[in-house]
Protein backbone atom coordinates (compact mmCIF):
# COMPACT_ATOMS: atom_id res chain seq x y z
CA MET A 1 10.95 39.98 13.11
CA PRO A 2 10.78 42.63 9.77
CA ILE A 3 7.73 43.45 8.34
CA ASN A 4 8.07 45.27 4.64
CA GLY A 5 7.30 48.94 4.95
CA VAL A 6 7.54 49.57 8.82
CA GLY A 7 10.69 47.82 10.21
CA PRO A 8 10.57 44.82 13.25
CA SER A 9 7.84 44.46 14.75
CA GLY A 10 6.91 40.90 17.68
CA ILE A 11 4.84 38.32 16.50
CA ARG A 12 2.91 36.14 18.41
CA LEU A 13 1.42 32.97 17.64
CA VAL A 14 -1.48 30.80 18.63
CA GLY A 15 -1.86 27.17 18.58
CA ASP A 16 0.55 23.78 17.76
CA LYS A 17 2.76 22.77 14.52
CA ALA A 18 -0.25 20.46 13.33
CA ALA A 19 -2.69 23.61 13.43
CA LEU A 20 -2.10 27.53 13.57
CA GLN A 21 -4.92 29.31 15.69
CA SER A 22 -4.36 32.91 15.72
CA ALA A 23 -1.05 35.18 15.39
CA THR A 24 -1.30 38.54 16.06
CA VAL A 25 1.82 41.47 14.68
CA ASN A 26 2.49 43.89 17.62
CA TRP A 27 2.64 47.15 15.22
CA PRO A 28 6.07 49.26 15.61
CA LYS A 29 4.26 52.29 15.30
CA ASP A 30 0.36 53.83 14.32
CA ILE A 31 -1.04 52.03 12.03
CA LYS A 32 -2.35 54.89 9.75
CA LEU A 33 -5.40 53.18 8.52
CA ALA A 34 -5.72 54.33 5.13
CA THR A 35 -2.71 53.00 4.08
CA VAL A 36 -3.46 49.40 5.71
CA PRO A 37 -4.68 48.16 2.12
CA ASP A 38 -1.22 49.01 0.25
CA LEU A 39 1.13 47.65 3.75
CA LEU A 40 -0.97 44.32 2.98
CA ALA A 41 -0.36 44.08 -0.22
CA ALA A 42 3.30 44.53 0.47
CA GLN A 43 3.25 41.89 2.90
CA PHE A 44 1.38 39.48 -0.15
CA PRO A 45 2.34 37.49 -3.49
CA LYS A 46 0.81 40.13 -6.38
CA ASP A 47 -1.33 37.26 -6.73
CA ALA A 48 -3.24 37.45 -3.85
CA LYS A 49 -6.28 39.14 -3.59
CA LEU A 50 -7.67 41.71 -0.78
CA GLU A 51 -10.47 42.84 0.11
CA GLN A 52 -11.02 44.86 3.46
CA VAL A 53 -14.69 43.06 4.58
CA ARG A 54 -15.87 45.58 7.62
CA GLY A 55 -15.02 49.12 8.26
CA ALA A 56 -14.85 51.14 11.58
CA CYS A 57 -17.10 50.08 13.99
CA PRO A 58 -20.09 52.89 14.87
CA GLU A 59 -18.28 53.98 18.32
CA GLU A 60 -14.60 54.16 16.89
CA ARG A 61 -13.59 58.11 17.99
CA LEU A 62 -10.46 57.62 18.90
CA SER A 63 -9.80 54.30 18.15
CA GLY A 64 -9.69 52.14 14.72
CA SER A 65 -9.99 48.71 12.94
CA ARG A 66 -10.62 47.15 9.67
CA ILE A 67 -11.65 43.57 8.67
CA TYR A 68 -9.37 42.86 5.65
CA ARG A 69 -9.54 38.33 3.99
CA ALA A 70 -6.87 37.70 2.03
CA THR A 71 -6.80 34.79 -0.59
CA LEU A 72 -4.02 33.38 -1.77
CA ALA A 73 -4.55 31.08 -5.81
CA GLY A 74 -5.56 27.59 -4.21
CA ARG A 75 -5.73 28.66 -0.82
CA LYS A 76 -8.42 29.06 2.06
CA PRO A 77 -8.41 32.57 2.27
CA LEU A 78 -6.77 34.75 5.86
CA TYR A 79 -8.83 37.11 7.59
CA LEU A 80 -6.94 40.23 9.17
CA HIS A 81 -8.21 42.73 11.96
CA ILE A 82 -6.24 45.80 11.85
CA GLN A 83 -7.05 47.44 15.04
CA TYR A 84 -5.12 50.78 15.91
CA ALA A 85 -6.12 52.20 19.99
CA ALA A 86 -4.85 55.41 20.91
CA ALA A 87 -4.26 55.85 24.76
CA ASP A 88 -5.30 58.71 26.75
CA ARG A 89 -2.20 59.65 27.39
CA GLY A 90 -1.07 59.81 24.23
CA GLY A 91 -0.17 56.19 23.75
CA SER A 92 -1.43 53.88 21.54
CA THR A 93 -1.08 49.46 20.29
CA SER A 94 -2.01 49.13 16.65
CA THR A 95 -1.67 45.27 16.43
CA ILE A 96 -3.04 42.77 13.07
CA GLU A 97 -4.21 39.46 14.12
CA MET A 98 -4.33 37.04 11.65
CA GLU A 99 -6.85 34.00 12.08
CA PRO A 100 -8.21 31.51 9.15
CA GLN A 101 -12.14 32.29 10.26
CA ARG A 102 -14.04 35.04 11.39
CA ASN A 103 -13.92 35.74 14.64
CA LYS A 104 -16.98 35.87 16.44
CA LEU A 105 -14.96 39.07 19.09
CA TRP A 106 -14.83 41.14 15.49
CA ILE A 107 -17.98 42.17 15.29
CA CYS A 108 -18.94 45.70 16.63
């Protein structure tokens, strides 16, 4: 699936046709946390309200995460857990998890 400003990416959906519980985007390259607001803005309509609701956790050193809330006019919010995890051998994993409510596992 193409993602604006990033390129092709994989997406995993959990749920069924009646109720999507979560979606995870496996980012094809390192997420630069400083550019996340711009990357998110490119994915949503211009009138969407995007706000960061949690910054980095205190123990994050090589890795990093943020939580954003995206709200479209007349819709319930969508929570986005953006995560960059550096591996000890030089690789990394970047993901964006999306859920209709803030997941308790995203707490620092």
